[in-house]
Protein backbone atom coordinates (compact mmCIF):
# COMPACT_ATOMS: atom_id res chain seq x y z
CA MET A 1 82.24 104.85 90.35
CA LEU A 2 82.13 107.45 87.57
CA GLU A 3 84.85 109.51 89.25
CA ILE A 4 87.15 106.48 89.55
CA PHE A 5 86.47 105.56 85.92
CA LEU A 6 87.36 109.08 84.78
CA ARG A 7 90.55 109.00 86.86
CA THR A 8 91.66 105.70 85.35
CA LEU A 9 90.63 106.68 81.81
CA PRO A 10 93.84 108.63 81.01
CA PHE A 11 95.93 105.54 81.81
CA PHE A 12 93.92 103.38 79.43
CA ALA A 13 93.94 106.22 76.87
CA ILE A 14 97.75 106.03 76.77
CA ILE A 15 97.46 102.25 76.31
CA GLY A 16 95.02 102.98 73.47
CA ILE A 17 97.49 105.35 71.78
CA GLY A 18 100.17 102.69 72.05
CA TYR A 19 97.80 100.13 70.55
CA TRP A 20 97.03 102.47 67.65
CA ALA A 21 100.74 103.04 67.08
CA GLY A 22 101.32 99.28 66.99
CA VAL A 23 98.37 98.44 64.73
CA THR A 24 99.26 101.15 62.20
CA ARG A 25 102.95 100.11 62.30
CA PHE A 26 103.87 103.66 63.32
CA PHE A 27 105.61 101.81 66.14
CA SER A 28 107.16 98.54 64.96
CA GLN A 29 107.42 95.43 67.13
CA GLU A 30 111.16 96.03 67.33
CA ALA A 31 110.58 99.59 68.57
CA THR A 32 108.11 98.27 71.15
CA ALA A 33 110.67 95.73 72.37
CA TRP A 34 113.29 98.47 72.84
CA LEU A 35 110.82 100.77 74.62
CA THR A 36 109.84 97.90 76.93
CA LYS A 37 113.52 97.26 77.65
CA PHE A 38 114.09 100.94 78.49
CA VAL A 39 111.14 101.01 80.88
CA PHE A 40 112.01 97.66 82.47
CA PHE A 41 115.73 98.21 82.99
CA PHE A 42 115.90 101.97 83.54
CA ALA A 43 112.71 103.98 84.18
CA LEU A 44 110.78 101.49 86.33
CA SER A 45 113.93 100.44 88.16
CA ALA A 46 114.72 104.07 88.98
CA MET A 47 111.20 104.58 90.33
CA LEU A 48 111.37 101.43 92.48
CA PHE A 49 114.84 102.24 93.83
CA ARG A 50 113.92 105.82 94.72
CA PHE A 51 110.78 104.86 96.62
CA SER A 52 112.31 101.88 98.45
CA ALA A 53 115.42 103.91 99.34
CA THR A 54 113.48 106.84 100.76
CA LEU A 55 110.96 104.83 102.79
CA PRO A 56 111.88 103.19 106.11
CA PHE A 57 111.92 99.39 105.83
CA SER A 58 109.40 99.17 108.67
CA GLU A 59 106.90 101.11 106.54
CA ILE A 60 107.38 98.80 103.55
CA PHE A 61 107.48 95.28 104.96
CA ASN A 62 104.20 93.86 106.22
CA GLY A 63 104.28 90.14 106.98
CA ARG A 64 100.50 89.78 107.21
CA LEU A 65 100.08 91.52 103.87
CA VAL A 66 102.59 89.18 102.24
CA ALA A 67 100.85 86.14 103.76
CA ALA A 68 97.40 87.38 102.66
CA TYR A 69 98.49 88.09 99.08
CA LEU A 70 100.39 84.80 98.89
CA TRP A 71 97.33 82.91 100.20
CA GLY A 72 94.92 84.57 97.75
CA THR A 73 97.21 84.14 94.76
CA ALA A 74 97.97 80.50 95.64
CA CYS A 75 94.23 79.76 95.86
CA VAL A 76 93.59 81.09 92.36
CA TYR A 77 96.72 79.33 91.10
CA GLY A 78 95.36 76.09 92.52
CA ILE A 79 91.86 76.58 91.05
CA ALA A 80 93.25 77.31 87.57
CA SER A 81 95.54 74.28 87.83
CA ALA A 82 92.63 72.06 88.90
CA VAL A 83 90.51 73.22 85.95
CA ALA A 84 93.43 72.52 83.61
CA PHE A 85 93.91 69.02 85.01
CA LEU A 86 90.18 68.31 84.65
CA ARG A 87 90.66 69.12 80.95
CA ARG A 88 93.51 66.56 80.94
CA LEU A 89 96.25 69.09 80.25
CA ASP A 90 99.84 68.24 81.13
CA VAL A 91 101.69 69.89 84.02
CA PRO A 92 103.61 72.52 81.95
CA THR A 93 100.44 73.71 80.17
CA ALA A 94 98.49 73.77 83.43
CA ALA A 95 101.29 75.86 85.00
CA VAL A 96 101.13 78.41 82.18
CA GLU A 97 97.34 78.71 82.52
CA ALA A 98 97.65 79.07 86.30
CA GLN A 99 100.22 81.83 85.81
CA CYS A 100 97.74 83.65 83.54
CA ALA A 101 94.99 83.38 86.15
CA ALA A 102 97.06 84.57 89.11
CA ILE A 103 99.83 86.93 87.95
CA GLY A 104 98.85 90.44 86.90
CA ASN A 105 100.54 93.38 85.24
CA SER A 106 101.35 95.05 88.55
CA GLY A 107 104.73 96.35 87.38
CA PHE A 108 103.89 98.12 84.13
CA LEU A 109 100.23 99.00 84.85
CA GLY A 110 99.49 98.60 88.56
CA LEU A 111 102.47 100.50 89.92
CA PRO A 112 102.08 103.64 87.75
CA MET A 113 98.29 103.73 88.01
CA LEU A 114 97.84 103.00 91.70
CA ALA A 115 100.68 105.29 92.74
CA VAL A 116 98.71 108.15 91.20
CA LEU A 117 95.26 107.03 92.39
CA PHE A 118 96.24 106.10 95.97
CA GLY A 119 99.35 108.29 96.38
CA GLU A 120 102.98 107.38 97.01
CA ARG A 121 102.00 105.45 100.16
CA ALA A 122 100.75 102.73 97.82
CA ILE A 123 104.25 102.00 96.52
CA GLY A 124 105.22 99.86 99.54
CA PRO A 125 102.32 97.37 99.32
CA ILE A 126 102.68 97.15 95.53
CA MET A 127 106.38 96.36 95.87
CA LEU A 128 105.54 93.53 98.25
CA THR A 129 103.12 91.98 95.75
CA LEU A 130 105.74 92.38 93.01
CA ALA A 131 108.31 90.59 95.17
CA VAL A 132 105.91 87.68 95.82
CA ASP A 133 105.07 87.38 92.11
CA LEU A 134 108.70 87.51 90.99
CA ILE A 135 110.30 85.40 93.70
CA VAL A 136 107.61 82.80 94.41
CA PHE A 137 105.44 82.35 91.33
CA SER A 138 107.98 83.16 88.60
CA SER A 139 110.18 80.50 90.20
CA LEU A 140 107.27 78.08 90.57
CA ILE A 141 106.35 78.12 86.88
CA VAL A 142 109.95 77.35 85.86
CA ILE A 143 110.03 74.45 88.32
CA LEU A 144 106.68 73.06 87.11
CA ILE A 145 107.53 73.36 83.41
CA ASN A 146 110.97 71.78 83.70
CA GLY A 147 109.88 69.20 86.27
CA GLY A 148 106.77 68.33 84.28
CA ARG A 149 108.78 67.76 81.11
CA ASP A 150 111.59 65.73 82.65
CA GLY A 151 109.71 64.08 85.49
CA ARG A 152 112.21 65.36 88.04
CA LEU A 153 113.88 68.60 89.11
CA HIS A 154 117.44 69.18 87.89
CA LEU A 155 120.10 71.24 89.61
CA GLY A 156 120.32 73.27 86.41
CA THR A 157 116.71 74.38 86.91
CA LEU A 158 117.56 75.80 90.32
CA ARG A 159 120.55 77.59 88.82
CA LEU A 160 118.28 79.00 86.10
CA ILE A 161 115.85 80.29 88.73
CA GLY A 162 118.63 81.83 90.81
CA ALA A 163 120.20 83.52 87.79
CA GLY A 164 116.82 84.88 86.71
CA LEU A 165 116.17 86.39 90.14
CA VAL A 166 119.64 87.91 90.40
CA ARG A 167 119.38 89.50 86.95
CA ASN A 168 115.82 90.82 87.35
CA PRO A 169 116.09 94.63 87.51
CA MET A 170 112.91 94.99 89.60
CA ILE A 171 114.24 92.70 92.31
CA LEU A 172 117.68 94.33 92.14
CA SER A 173 116.30 97.87 92.40
CA ILE A 174 113.96 97.02 95.30
CA THR A 175 116.73 95.15 97.15
CA ALA A 176 119.26 97.92 96.59
CA GLY A 177 116.76 100.54 97.72
CA LEU A 178 115.88 98.62 100.88
CA LEU A 179 119.58 98.24 101.72
CA TRP A 180 120.04 101.98 101.17
CA SER A 181 117.12 102.65 103.50
CA ALA A 182 118.30 100.12 106.12
CA LEU A 183 121.74 101.74 106.22
CA ALA A 184 120.06 105.15 106.63
CA LEU A 185 122.17 106.59 103.81
CA PRO A 186 121.30 110.15 102.78
CA MET A 187 119.83 110.69 99.33
CA PRO A 188 121.86 113.47 97.63
CA ARG A 189 119.69 115.97 95.84
CA PRO A 190 121.30 115.42 92.39
CA LEU A 191 120.74 111.66 92.73
CA ASN A 192 117.14 112.16 93.88
CA ASP A 193 116.46 114.53 90.97
CA PHE A 194 118.06 112.08 88.53
CA LEU A 195 115.92 109.20 89.80
CA THR A 196 112.78 111.37 89.80
CA ILE A 197 113.29 112.44 86.18
CA LEU A 198 114.18 108.95 84.95
CA GLY A 199 111.45 107.31 87.02
CA GLY A 200 108.95 109.80 85.65
CA ALA A 201 109.29 108.13 82.26
CA ALA A 202 108.05 104.84 83.71
CA THR A 203 104.34 105.65 83.72
CA PRO A 204 103.81 106.89 80.12
CA GLY A 205 106.49 104.57 78.75
CA ALA A 206 105.07 101.46 80.39
CA LEU A 207 101.48 102.23 79.41
CA PHE A 208 102.43 103.02 75.80
CA ALA A 209 104.50 99.83 75.62
CA ILE A 210 101.54 97.77 76.91
CA GLY A 211 99.31 99.17 74.16
CA ALA A 212 101.87 98.72 71.40
CA SER A 213 102.54 95.13 72.47
CA LEU A 214 98.80 94.35 72.42
CA ALA A 215 98.80 95.05 68.68
CA ALA A 216 100.80 91.87 68.17
CA ARG A 217 98.44 89.73 70.28
CA SER A 218 96.07 87.21 68.69
CA ALA A 219 92.58 86.24 69.85
CA GLU A 220 92.83 82.49 69.35
CA ARG A 221 91.45 79.98 71.89
CA VAL A 222 88.94 82.64 72.97
CA ARG A 223 86.91 80.42 75.33
CA ILE A 224 89.95 79.39 77.35
CA ALA A 225 91.34 82.92 77.27
CA ALA A 226 88.01 84.27 78.52
CA TRP A 227 88.08 81.83 81.46
CA LEU A 228 91.66 82.80 82.34
CA SER A 229 90.80 86.51 82.02
CA SER A 230 87.79 86.07 84.32
CA ALA A 231 89.93 84.26 86.87
CA LYS A 232 92.49 87.04 86.80
CA LEU A 233 90.10 90.01 86.86
CA ILE A 234 87.47 88.59 89.26
CA LEU A 235 88.68 85.54 91.19
CA HIS A 236 92.14 86.89 91.99
CA PRO A 237 91.01 90.15 93.64
CA LEU A 238 88.19 88.24 95.37
CA PHE A 239 90.53 85.70 97.00
CA VAL A 240 93.11 88.37 97.84
CA ALA A 241 90.30 90.38 99.46
CA LEU A 242 89.43 87.34 101.59
CA GLY A 243 93.10 87.11 102.51
CA VAL A 244 93.64 90.72 103.56
CA LEU A 245 90.21 91.23 105.14
CA VAL A 246 89.44 87.86 106.78
CA ILE A 247 92.30 85.32 106.84
CA PHE A 248 95.20 87.71 107.58
CA PRO A 249 93.47 91.05 108.28
CA THR A 250 95.67 94.10 107.82
CA ASP A 251 95.20 97.88 107.78
CA SER A 252 92.49 99.15 105.45
CA PHE A 253 94.74 101.26 103.21
CA SER A 254 97.19 98.43 102.46
CA ALA A 255 94.25 96.07 101.92
CA GLN A 256 92.70 98.44 99.37
CA VAL A 257 95.97 98.79 97.46
CA VAL A 258 96.67 95.05 97.36
CA ILE A 259 93.13 94.17 96.24
CA ALA A 260 93.38 96.79 93.49
CA THR A 261 96.78 95.37 92.49
CA ALA A 262 95.26 91.90 92.24
CA ALA A 263 92.66 93.30 89.84
CA MET A 264 95.28 94.06 87.17
CA PRO A 265 95.04 92.15 83.85
CA VAL A 266 97.30 89.24 82.86
CA ALA A 267 101.00 90.13 82.93
CA GLY A 268 102.95 90.36 79.70
CA ASN A 269 105.86 88.33 81.08
CA VAL A 270 103.60 85.26 81.15
CA PHE A 271 103.56 85.39 77.34
CA MET A 272 107.35 85.68 77.26
CA LEU A 273 107.65 82.52 79.38
CA ALA A 274 105.04 80.68 77.30
CA GLN A 275 106.76 81.67 74.07
CA HIS A 276 110.20 80.78 75.43
CA TYR A 277 109.10 77.27 76.39
CA GLY A 278 106.74 76.85 73.42
CA ILE A 279 103.69 76.21 75.62
CA ALA A 280 100.18 77.61 74.96
CA ALA A 281 101.50 80.94 73.69
CA HIS A 282 98.34 81.67 71.66
CA ARG A 283 95.94 81.30 74.59
CA VAL A 284 98.22 83.43 76.78
CA SER A 285 98.34 86.11 74.08
CA ALA A 286 94.54 86.08 73.84
CA ALA A 287 94.18 86.22 77.65
CA ILE A 288 96.41 89.30 77.81
CA LEU A 289 94.41 91.00 75.05
CA ILE A 290 90.98 90.14 76.48
CA SER A 291 91.86 90.86 80.13
CA THR A 292 93.49 94.20 79.31
CA ALA A 293 90.47 95.30 77.25
CA ALA A 294 88.01 94.16 79.93
CA SER A 295 90.06 95.81 82.70
CA ILE A 296 88.98 99.22 81.41
CA LEU A 297 85.70 98.47 83.21
CA THR A 298 86.68 95.94 85.88
CA VAL A 299 89.63 97.81 87.39
CA PRO A 300 87.71 101.06 88.09
CA THR A 301 84.81 98.99 89.47
CA ILE A 302 87.02 97.13 91.94
CA ILE A 303 88.91 100.28 92.95
CA ALA A 304 85.58 102.01 93.55
CA LEU A 305 84.37 99.06 95.66
CA VAL A 306 87.49 98.89 97.84
CA SER A 307 87.57 102.67 98.23
CA THR A 308 84.01 102.84 99.52
CA PRO A 309 84.08 103.67 103.29
């Protein structure tokens, strides 16, 4: 446990530096937004493309793993939705809370951290979880919010979902890389070096951006945020563990990586969606802040548990 904690500590230390830079205004919110954009569109995309292009598709795709992660995430999504409905919340607000409880920061935090802790073999399983989050649940929340407001689903909503998927650089880079791999195209050394250098900026850039963005988060609606944080940090990895170990058992290494991925704190893009639609932005902001702070202890604990022979 102590060894895992010490190995994860540098990642959270970079988040801490970013937080300090944001709190002291050494790094403005505008600067944080531009850094996030650089990481999202360039550095992280380069990393994802390089790994998906250099790995055979057969080593990346795992149907049982996708089913297990989808099952576990859907269970937590359903539990959070049920709790929201018991509190008499409307469908859009319940959808935002469910997104908090089930969707973690696997892109900016999970991918850089777990690739170092578990090795490059972990990239494939993490990319699968990213694809499920982006394609299934990012689409689902848009459908629930728009459908819940209007009482029915419009064709424009489907167009909005399709446009969002097509423009998402993570999906584009993974898809392009898989096509490159499927066509067995060679990776020229200059291109590989370029992607390696640019992708190398993803880890420190993403972690620093997470910390700097936390400086703008509020801690309102603490009780609700604490529940959502607990669901994300404890219930989500628990149900995903049931999925990969019992319901749809898969190989031990992939199971470890996916459970660790499910242990990541609430994703920042949930706040962007909440803010965009004007729904429960304060409680989402608080959930991101609380879950990220608590993950300093919970993430190493879960990684240590899944790594135990």
